[in-house]
Amino acid sequence: MIRRLQFLIVAVVLLIAAFSTGLQFLFYVVYLGLLGIGGSYVLTRFGLADLEAGYRVDHRQGHVGDDLRTTYSISNASGLPKPWLEVYNPTDLPVPLPGRALGLRSWAQRSWVAIVPLTRRGTFCIEPMIVRTGDPFGFFEAAATVGRPTIVTVFPRVLPLPRWRLPNAYLEGTHSAPERTLQTTPLATTVRPYVPGDSFNRIHWRSTARLGEIQVKEFDLEQTADLWLFVDLESSVQSGDGDVSTVEESMRVAASIAHDAILENRAVGMTTSGHRLVSIPADRGPRQRQKIMALLAAVEGDGQTPLAEVLLAGLPQLRRGMTAVVVTPSRDRQWVRALTSLRARGVAAAVVTLDAASYAAAGKSRWSGAANPELAGQEQRALHFALAEYEVRSYEVHAGDNLGAVLA
């Protein structure tokens, strides 16, 4: 806009000077300016004519750490070349999609792929593709939008937990039985020599190659127990910044445990205490996994409800044979008492605590316990002693820990 105003002022001055002085040179300059402006307008006016463009996002859902691939295509269906085009998608993704400036010959076509990493969980919008052109002097500009907005949901990162096992609920049949089963189960415990009648899909080929005779796998029988996750998102107990924070670590822990349990065909329920208390009833299958991941992608550490109240409100939903897993950075021992009644009801419990001090130090952020770190350490140790007193299995996660190794 400023450039146009400057050019308009120069044009008016030249025009007045040309008619006032009658100098032929000034008239040449005026005619040349009119020709340049007219040509720039025509070039811009027809710069987007007969263009066909589009884009396609390969998937609208993914996990932190995945790559988002977007395929672009643009073709010129005109006999006139398009010397300058700019193609891009406005988006609120943490890593924006790269735009591209290009030129198209007559009847030419271009396509390319833009790959960006998904670095933060949440729901993001990719706006319609914008194709823009203009003249070399920047006097005129034309733009067109193509397609519709695309919503991309980024779930928390799911980490492998090869040695994670839920604690056995206090109910007969919810843990491995000593007798063998004729059915194939996830619990392959040992191998033995092949006998006539064994199914070929039970052959353990590595042991067969090592021992020189056919070995088959034997399985234990297990009745899968349900799982209920409580994720503490009270704002006053959170620490860290960005990806190195107790909030993001809680999301990774909850997502990994839920993913592992659903793969074992367990029914999984969840309660989160973010801005509002949200509960997902226990269910199994891919649809339940989708619900849980969508919830974990949306919640933030802005809750106001203490964990003790969350547990008191949610524990009545637990039935006999379930296992409750609590994920929290809280050092308050008041909520431990809420778990003491579970054993008598046949409900097992496990607690994953996050060391808020380590996340505050790694993220270089403010933390409520930074004023007295020694007291914070004492409270953390006292919490684990209280959990051990009530025979509740606990795990402590520090910033930078290998989650699969800690939850082993």
Protein backbone atom coordinates (compact mmCIF):
# COMPACT_ATOMS: atom_id res chain seq x y z
CA MET A 1 0.00 0.00 0.00
CA ILE A 2 2.85 2.42 0.83
CA ARG A 3 4.61 1.56 -2.41
CA ARG A 4 1.44 2.28 -4.40
CA LEU A 5 1.02 5.62 -2.65
CA GLN A 6 4.64 6.56 -3.38
CA PHE A 7 4.26 5.58 -7.01
CA LEU A 8 1.02 7.59 -7.30
CA ILE A 9 2.74 10.69 -5.92
CA VAL A 10 5.68 10.29 -8.35
CA ALA A 11 3.26 9.76 -11.27
CA VAL A 12 1.28 12.91 -10.43
CA VAL A 13 4.48 14.96 -10.11
CA LEU A 14 5.79 13.65 -13.46
CA LEU A 15 2.48 14.34 -15.16
CA ILE A 16 2.32 17.90 -13.87
CA ALA A 17 5.98 18.49 -14.80
CA ALA A 18 5.47 17.10 -18.31
CA PHE A 19 2.53 19.35 -19.08
CA SER A 20 4.07 22.35 -17.38
CA THR A 21 7.46 22.19 -19.12
CA GLY A 22 6.48 20.44 -22.35
CA LEU A 23 9.73 18.45 -22.29
CA GLN A 24 9.53 15.44 -24.61
CA PHE A 25 11.67 13.32 -22.27
CA LEU A 26 9.15 13.69 -19.47
CA PHE A 27 6.34 12.57 -21.78
CA TYR A 28 8.41 9.49 -22.69
CA VAL A 29 8.73 8.72 -18.98
CA VAL A 30 4.96 9.15 -18.50
CA TYR A 31 4.17 6.86 -21.46
CA LEU A 32 6.66 4.28 -20.22
CA GLY A 33 5.07 4.36 -16.77
CA LEU A 34 1.59 3.88 -18.22
CA LEU A 35 2.83 0.98 -20.32
CA GLY A 36 4.51 -0.63 -17.30
CA ILE A 37 1.44 -0.22 -15.12
CA GLY A 38 -0.87 -1.58 -17.80
CA GLY A 39 1.38 -4.55 -18.44
CA SER A 40 1.67 -5.28 -14.72
CA TYR A 41 -2.09 -5.19 -14.33
CA VAL A 42 -2.68 -7.53 -17.26
CA LEU A 43 0.03 -9.91 -16.05
CA THR A 44 -1.53 -10.05 -12.59
CA ARG A 45 -5.10 -10.18 -13.89
CA PHE A 46 -4.47 -13.32 -15.92
CA GLY A 47 -1.79 -14.77 -13.64
CA LEU A 48 -4.21 -17.21 -11.98
CA ALA A 49 -6.34 -18.00 -15.01
CA ASP A 50 -6.51 -21.66 -16.16
CA LEU A 51 -4.67 -22.94 -13.11
CA GLU A 52 -5.60 -26.22 -11.41
CA ALA A 53 -4.24 -26.80 -7.92
CA GLY A 54 -4.83 -28.99 -4.91
CA TYR A 55 -3.24 -30.51 -1.83
CA ARG A 56 -3.72 -33.69 0.20
CA VAL A 57 -2.71 -34.51 3.78
CA ASP A 58 -1.69 -38.15 4.14
CA HIS A 59 -3.25 -38.57 7.61
CA ARG A 60 -5.25 -36.37 9.93
CA GLN A 61 -4.18 -38.11 13.11
CA GLY A 62 -0.76 -38.95 14.41
CA HIS A 63 1.45 -39.10 17.46
CA VAL A 64 4.16 -36.75 18.61
CA GLY A 65 7.30 -37.76 16.75
CA ASP A 66 5.50 -38.77 13.56
CA ASP A 67 5.89 -36.92 10.26
CA LEU A 68 3.05 -35.16 8.47
CA ARG A 69 3.25 -35.48 4.68
CA THR A 70 1.36 -33.05 2.47
CA THR A 71 1.27 -33.57 -1.30
CA TYR A 72 0.83 -30.51 -3.53
CA SER A 73 0.03 -30.35 -7.22
CA ILE A 74 -0.47 -27.40 -9.57
CA SER A 75 -0.87 -27.36 -13.35
CA ASN A 76 -1.13 -24.69 -16.01
CA ALA A 77 -3.88 -25.45 -18.53
CA SER A 78 -3.14 -22.30 -20.54
CA GLY A 79 -0.85 -21.58 -23.46
CA LEU A 80 0.56 -18.59 -21.55
CA PRO A 81 3.35 -19.18 -19.01
CA LYS A 82 2.99 -18.27 -15.36
CA PRO A 83 6.32 -16.65 -14.48
CA TRP A 84 5.76 -16.27 -10.72
CA LEU A 85 3.48 -18.16 -8.34
CA GLU A 86 3.59 -18.56 -4.57
CA VAL A 87 1.89 -21.60 -2.99
CA TYR A 88 1.46 -22.09 0.77
CA ASN A 89 -0.93 -23.20 3.52
CA PRO A 90 -1.41 -21.02 6.62
CA THR A 91 -1.47 -23.26 9.69
CA ASP A 92 -1.07 -23.17 13.46
CA LEU A 93 1.10 -26.29 13.53
CA PRO A 94 4.24 -25.82 15.69
CA VAL A 95 6.35 -26.45 12.57
CA PRO A 96 4.56 -24.68 9.68
CA LEU A 97 4.23 -26.24 6.26
CA PRO A 98 6.88 -24.76 3.95
CA GLY A 99 5.58 -22.71 1.03
CA ARG A 100 7.10 -22.66 -2.43
CA ALA A 101 7.65 -20.04 -5.12
CA LEU A 102 7.72 -21.39 -8.67
CA GLY A 103 7.11 -20.68 -12.31
CA LEU A 104 5.10 -22.73 -14.78
CA ARG A 105 5.57 -23.00 -18.50
CA SER A 106 2.54 -23.35 -20.73
CA TRP A 107 0.78 -26.71 -20.30
CA ALA A 108 3.19 -27.63 -17.48
CA GLN A 109 2.51 -29.37 -14.19
CA ARG A 110 4.41 -29.46 -10.89
CA SER A 111 3.95 -31.60 -7.79
CA TRP A 112 5.96 -31.96 -4.58
CA VAL A 113 5.75 -33.29 -1.04
CA ALA A 114 6.21 -31.22 2.12
CA ILE A 115 7.17 -33.16 5.27
CA VAL A 116 7.06 -31.59 8.72
CA PRO A 117 7.48 -33.28 12.14
CA LEU A 118 4.68 -33.32 14.68
CA THR A 119 6.35 -31.91 17.77
CA ARG A 120 3.44 -31.05 20.07
CA ARG A 121 0.18 -32.76 20.95
CA GLY A 122 -3.10 -30.98 20.35
CA THR A 123 -5.57 -30.15 17.61
CA PHE A 124 -4.32 -27.97 14.77
CA CYS A 125 -5.85 -26.49 11.63
CA ILE A 126 -4.34 -26.39 8.15
CA GLU A 127 -6.07 -23.58 6.28
CA PRO A 128 -7.00 -23.88 2.55
CA MET A 129 -4.10 -23.65 0.12
CA ILE A 130 -3.36 -20.13 -1.13
CA VAL A 131 -2.00 -19.50 -4.62
CA ARG A 132 -0.68 -15.97 -5.03
CA THR A 133 0.83 -14.05 -7.93
CA GLY A 134 1.76 -10.48 -8.79
CA ASP A 135 3.80 -8.27 -11.08
CA PRO A 136 7.58 -7.81 -10.90
CA PHE A 137 7.23 -4.28 -9.52
CA GLY A 138 4.85 -5.21 -6.71
CA PHE A 139 2.08 -2.85 -7.84
CA PHE A 140 -0.68 -5.47 -8.09
CA GLU A 141 -1.38 -8.78 -6.43
CA ALA A 142 -3.92 -11.58 -6.91
CA ALA A 143 -4.63 -14.61 -4.74
CA ALA A 144 -6.99 -17.58 -4.74
CA THR A 145 -7.80 -20.22 -2.10
CA VAL A 146 -8.06 -23.91 -2.92
CA GLY A 147 -9.69 -26.68 -0.87
CA ARG A 148 -11.07 -26.70 2.64
CA PRO A 149 -9.50 -26.46 6.09
CA THR A 150 -8.02 -29.71 7.41
CA ILE A 151 -8.02 -30.55 11.11
CA VAL A 152 -4.99 -32.52 12.33
CA THR A 153 -5.07 -34.16 15.77
CA VAL A 154 -1.72 -34.99 17.34
CA PHE A 155 -1.82 -37.61 20.10
CA PRO A 156 0.84 -37.95 22.82
CA ARG A 157 3.89 -40.03 22.06
CA VAL A 158 3.40 -43.74 22.81
CA LEU A 159 6.55 -45.31 24.22
CA PRO A 160 7.24 -49.06 24.29
CA LEU A 161 6.82 -50.73 27.69
CA PRO A 162 8.23 -54.22 27.07
CA ARG A 163 8.40 -55.22 30.75
CA TRP A 164 5.43 -53.32 32.15
CA ARG A 165 2.89 -55.51 33.93
CA LEU A 166 -0.22 -54.43 35.74
CA PRO A 167 -0.30 -55.49 39.40
CA ASN A 168 -2.55 -58.48 40.01
CA ALA A 169 -5.98 -57.57 41.23
CA TYR A 170 -7.06 -59.32 44.44
CA LEU A 171 -9.37 -61.64 42.55
CA GLU A 172 -8.87 -65.24 41.58
CA GLY A 173 -8.21 -65.59 37.86
CA THR A 174 -6.72 -62.15 37.26
CA HIS A 175 -3.14 -63.38 37.28
CA SER A 176 -1.22 -66.17 35.59
CA ALA A 177 -2.44 -69.63 36.52
CA PRO A 178 0.01 -72.49 37.14
CA GLU A 179 -1.76 -74.85 34.75
CA ARG A 180 -1.07 -74.81 31.02
CA THR A 181 -3.73 -74.02 28.44
CA LEU A 182 -4.49 -75.51 25.06
CA GLN A 183 -5.41 -72.03 23.78
CA THR A 184 -2.87 -69.56 22.46
CA THR A 185 -2.57 -66.63 24.90
CA PRO A 186 -0.14 -63.67 25.14
CA LEU A 187 1.71 -65.45 27.99
CA ALA A 188 4.28 -67.72 26.32
CA THR A 189 6.25 -68.98 29.31
CA THR A 190 8.45 -71.90 28.22
CA VAL A 191 9.25 -74.34 25.44
CA ARG A 192 9.22 -78.16 25.30
CA PRO A 193 9.95 -80.85 22.71
CA TYR A 194 7.39 -81.37 19.97
CA VAL A 195 4.89 -84.19 20.37
CA PRO A 196 2.44 -85.47 17.74
CA GLY A 197 -0.68 -83.33 17.71
CA ASP A 198 1.01 -79.98 18.48
CA SER A 199 0.03 -77.15 16.15
CA PHE A 200 2.72 -75.92 13.78
CA ASN A 201 2.03 -72.28 14.71
CA ARG A 202 3.35 -73.05 18.21
CA ILE A 203 6.83 -73.98 17.00
CA HIS A 204 9.55 -71.74 18.44
CA TRP A 205 12.01 -71.59 15.58
CA ARG A 206 14.93 -70.01 17.44
CA SER A 207 14.94 -72.71 20.10
CA THR A 208 14.51 -75.35 17.39
CA ALA A 209 17.58 -74.05 15.54
CA ARG A 210 19.62 -73.83 18.73
CA LEU A 211 18.78 -77.27 20.14
CA GLY A 212 18.58 -79.18 16.88
CA GLU A 213 15.09 -80.59 17.51
CA ILE A 214 11.62 -79.10 17.18
CA GLN A 215 10.53 -77.07 20.21
CA VAL A 216 7.02 -75.73 20.80
CA LYS A 217 5.81 -72.91 23.05
CA GLU A 218 3.67 -73.42 26.14
CA PHE A 219 1.23 -70.78 27.39
CA ASP A 220 -0.23 -69.72 30.72
CA LEU A 221 -3.90 -68.92 31.12
CA GLU A 222 -4.75 -65.37 32.19
CA GLN A 223 -8.08 -63.65 32.64
CA THR A 224 -7.53 -60.04 31.64
CA ALA A 225 -8.51 -57.49 34.27
CA ASP A 226 -9.81 -54.03 33.47
CA LEU A 227 -7.71 -50.89 33.92
CA TRP A 228 -8.71 -47.42 35.09
CA LEU A 229 -6.27 -44.54 34.72
CA PHE A 230 -6.40 -41.41 36.91
CA VAL A 231 -4.34 -38.56 35.44
CA ASP A 232 -3.70 -35.68 37.85
CA LEU A 233 -3.69 -32.32 36.02
CA GLU A 234 -4.04 -29.94 38.97
CA SER A 235 -2.19 -26.78 37.96
CA SER A 236 -0.57 -26.13 41.36
CA VAL A 237 1.49 -29.36 41.30
CA GLN A 238 2.80 -29.13 37.71
CA SER A 239 6.31 -28.06 36.77
CA GLY A 240 8.58 -27.87 33.75
CA ASP A 241 8.13 -26.18 30.41
CA GLY A 242 7.07 -27.38 26.97
CA ASP A 243 7.87 -30.98 26.19
CA VAL A 244 10.00 -31.27 29.34
CA SER A 245 7.19 -30.90 31.85
CA THR A 246 5.13 -33.02 34.18
CA VAL A 247 2.02 -32.41 32.07
CA GLU A 248 3.57 -33.81 28.89
CA GLU A 249 5.20 -36.68 30.78
CA SER A 250 1.83 -37.54 32.33
CA MET A 251 0.35 -37.68 28.84
CA ARG A 252 3.13 -39.98 27.62
CA VAL A 253 2.79 -42.28 30.64
CA ALA A 254 -1.01 -42.50 30.37
CA ALA A 255 -0.95 -42.99 26.58
CA SER A 256 1.70 -45.72 26.77
CA ILE A 257 -0.02 -47.65 29.58
CA ALA A 258 -3.45 -47.38 27.92
CA HIS A 259 -2.03 -48.46 24.55
CA ASP A 260 -0.31 -51.46 26.14
CA ALA A 261 -3.45 -52.51 28.03
CA ILE A 262 -5.70 -52.26 24.98
CA LEU A 263 -3.26 -54.41 23.01
CA GLU A 264 -3.70 -57.02 25.76
CA ASN A 265 -7.47 -56.85 25.16
CA ARG A 266 -8.14 -55.19 28.50
CA ALA A 267 -11.01 -52.79 29.04
CA VAL A 268 -9.56 -49.36 29.83
CA GLY A 269 -11.25 -46.37 31.44
CA MET A 270 -9.79 -42.96 32.26
CA THR A 271 -10.40 -39.91 34.44
CA THR A 272 -8.55 -36.62 33.90
CA SER A 273 -8.72 -33.56 36.14
CA GLY A 274 -7.98 -30.76 33.70
CA HIS A 275 -10.12 -27.64 33.31
CA ARG A 276 -13.06 -29.92 34.09
CA LEU A 277 -13.32 -33.47 35.33
CA VAL A 278 -13.68 -35.87 32.38
CA SER A 279 -14.24 -39.63 32.62
CA ILE A 280 -14.33 -42.19 29.82
CA PRO A 281 -16.13 -45.42 30.79
CA ALA A 282 -14.08 -48.60 30.56
CA ASP A 283 -14.20 -50.32 27.19
CA ARG A 284 -11.84 -52.20 24.88
CA GLY A 285 -10.88 -52.11 21.24
CA PRO A 286 -9.55 -49.58 18.70
CA ARG A 287 -12.49 -47.22 19.22
CA GLN A 288 -11.71 -46.96 22.94
CA ARG A 289 -8.06 -46.28 22.14
CA GLN A 290 -9.19 -43.47 19.82
CA LYS A 291 -11.31 -41.90 22.58
CA ILE A 292 -8.50 -42.05 25.12
CA MET A 293 -5.89 -40.61 22.76
CA ALA A 294 -8.24 -37.81 21.69
CA LEU A 295 -8.81 -36.89 25.34
CA LEU A 296 -5.09 -36.91 26.11
CA ALA A 297 -4.45 -34.71 23.07
CA ALA A 298 -6.92 -32.09 24.28
CA VAL A 299 -6.40 -31.74 28.05
CA GLU A 300 -3.99 -29.32 29.71
CA GLY A 301 -2.55 -28.96 33.19
CA ASP A 302 -5.02 -26.27 34.26
CA GLY A 303 -7.18 -28.18 36.72
CA GLN A 304 -8.23 -26.91 40.13
CA THR A 305 -9.44 -30.16 41.69
CA PRO A 306 -6.99 -31.87 44.11
CA LEU A 307 -6.15 -35.49 43.39
CA ALA A 308 -7.76 -36.66 46.64
CA GLU A 309 -11.14 -35.32 45.47
CA VAL A 310 -10.66 -36.82 42.01
CA LEU A 311 -10.04 -40.25 43.49
CA LEU A 312 -12.98 -40.03 45.90
CA ALA A 313 -15.23 -39.14 42.98
CA GLY A 314 -13.85 -41.82 40.67
CA LEU A 315 -13.22 -44.83 42.89
CA PRO A 316 -16.93 -45.80 43.10
CA GLN A 317 -16.73 -46.53 39.34
CA LEU A 318 -14.16 -49.26 39.97
CA ARG A 319 -15.54 -52.77 40.23
CA ARG A 320 -14.05 -55.94 41.60
CA GLY A 321 -11.13 -57.24 39.51
CA MET A 322 -10.10 -53.83 38.18
CA THR A 323 -6.68 -52.22 38.50
CA ALA A 324 -6.35 -48.50 39.22
CA VAL A 325 -3.24 -46.65 37.99
CA VAL A 326 -2.65 -43.10 39.24
CA VAL A 327 -0.31 -40.74 37.36
CA THR A 328 0.60 -37.64 39.38
CA PRO A 329 3.40 -35.21 40.30
CA SER A 330 1.69 -34.41 43.62
CA ARG A 331 3.68 -34.83 46.85
CA ASP A 332 0.59 -34.53 49.06
CA ARG A 333 -0.05 -37.77 50.99
CA GLN A 334 -3.73 -37.08 51.59
CA TRP A 335 -4.80 -38.89 48.43
CA VAL A 336 -3.02 -42.11 49.49
CA ARG A 337 -5.78 -42.86 51.98
CA ALA A 338 -8.32 -43.01 49.16
CA LEU A 339 -6.47 -46.04 47.77
CA THR A 340 -6.48 -47.99 51.05
CA SER A 341 -10.05 -49.25 50.62
CA LEU A 342 -9.33 -50.81 47.23
CA ARG A 343 -7.68 -53.99 48.51
CA ALA A 344 -10.80 -55.07 50.43
CA ARG A 345 -12.87 -54.51 47.28
CA GLY A 346 -10.63 -56.71 45.13
CA VAL A 347 -9.11 -53.76 43.24
CA ALA A 348 -5.36 -53.48 42.72
CA ALA A 349 -3.53 -50.15 42.53
CA ALA A 350 -0.29 -48.75 41.15
CA VAL A 351 1.04 -45.21 41.26
CA VAL A 352 3.39 -43.47 38.81
CA THR A 353 4.83 -40.36 40.46
CA LEU A 354 6.71 -37.66 38.56
CA ASP A 355 9.62 -35.87 40.22
CA ALA A 356 8.53 -32.25 39.78
CA ALA A 357 11.94 -30.92 40.86
CA SER A 358 13.77 -32.63 37.99
CA TYR A 359 11.33 -31.27 35.42
CA ALA A 360 11.57 -27.76 36.84
CA ALA A 361 15.38 -27.93 36.63
CA ALA A 362 15.39 -29.39 33.12
CA GLY A 363 12.78 -26.94 31.83
CA LYS A 364 14.25 -23.95 33.74
CA SER A 365 10.78 -22.91 34.84
CA ARG A 366 9.24 -21.69 38.05
CA TRP A 367 8.05 -24.30 40.51
CA SER A 368 6.26 -24.04 43.85
CA GLY A 369 8.83 -26.32 45.56
CA ALA A 370 11.89 -24.49 44.26
CA ALA A 371 12.10 -22.31 47.38
CA ASN A 372 12.83 -25.34 49.59
CA PRO A 373 14.07 -28.29 47.48
CA GLU A 374 15.16 -30.24 50.57
CA LEU A 375 11.62 -30.17 51.95
CA ALA A 376 10.28 -31.22 48.54
CA GLY A 377 12.63 -34.22 48.53
CA GLN A 378 11.51 -35.23 52.00
CA GLU A 379 7.85 -35.03 50.99
CA GLN A 380 8.56 -37.16 47.91
CA ARG A 381 10.26 -39.85 50.01
CA ALA A 382 7.48 -39.74 52.59
CA LEU A 383 4.93 -40.27 49.82
CA HIS A 384 6.69 -43.43 48.63
CA PHE A 385 6.94 -44.71 52.20
CA ALA A 386 3.19 -44.19 52.64
CA LEU A 387 2.48 -46.09 49.42
CA ALA A 388 4.76 -48.93 50.50
CA GLU A 389 3.03 -49.06 53.88
CA TYR A 390 -0.28 -49.79 52.17
CA GLU A 391 1.42 -52.23 49.73
CA VAL A 392 0.73 -50.04 46.70
CA ARG A 393 3.25 -50.52 43.92
CA SER A 394 4.88 -47.22 42.93
CA TYR A 395 7.24 -45.98 40.22
CA GLU A 396 9.11 -42.66 40.17
CA VAL A 397 9.86 -40.96 36.85
CA HIS A 398 12.49 -38.23 36.53
CA ALA A 399 13.08 -35.87 33.61
CA GLY A 400 14.98 -37.65 30.88
CA ASP A 401 14.29 -41.16 32.17
CA ASN A 402 13.67 -44.08 29.85
CA LEU A 403 10.02 -44.74 30.59
CA GLY A 404 10.20 -48.38 29.48
CA ALA A 405 13.07 -49.02 31.91
CA VAL A 406 11.40 -47.21 34.84
CA LEU A 407 8.07 -49.02 34.46
CA ALA A 408 9.68 -52.46 34.53
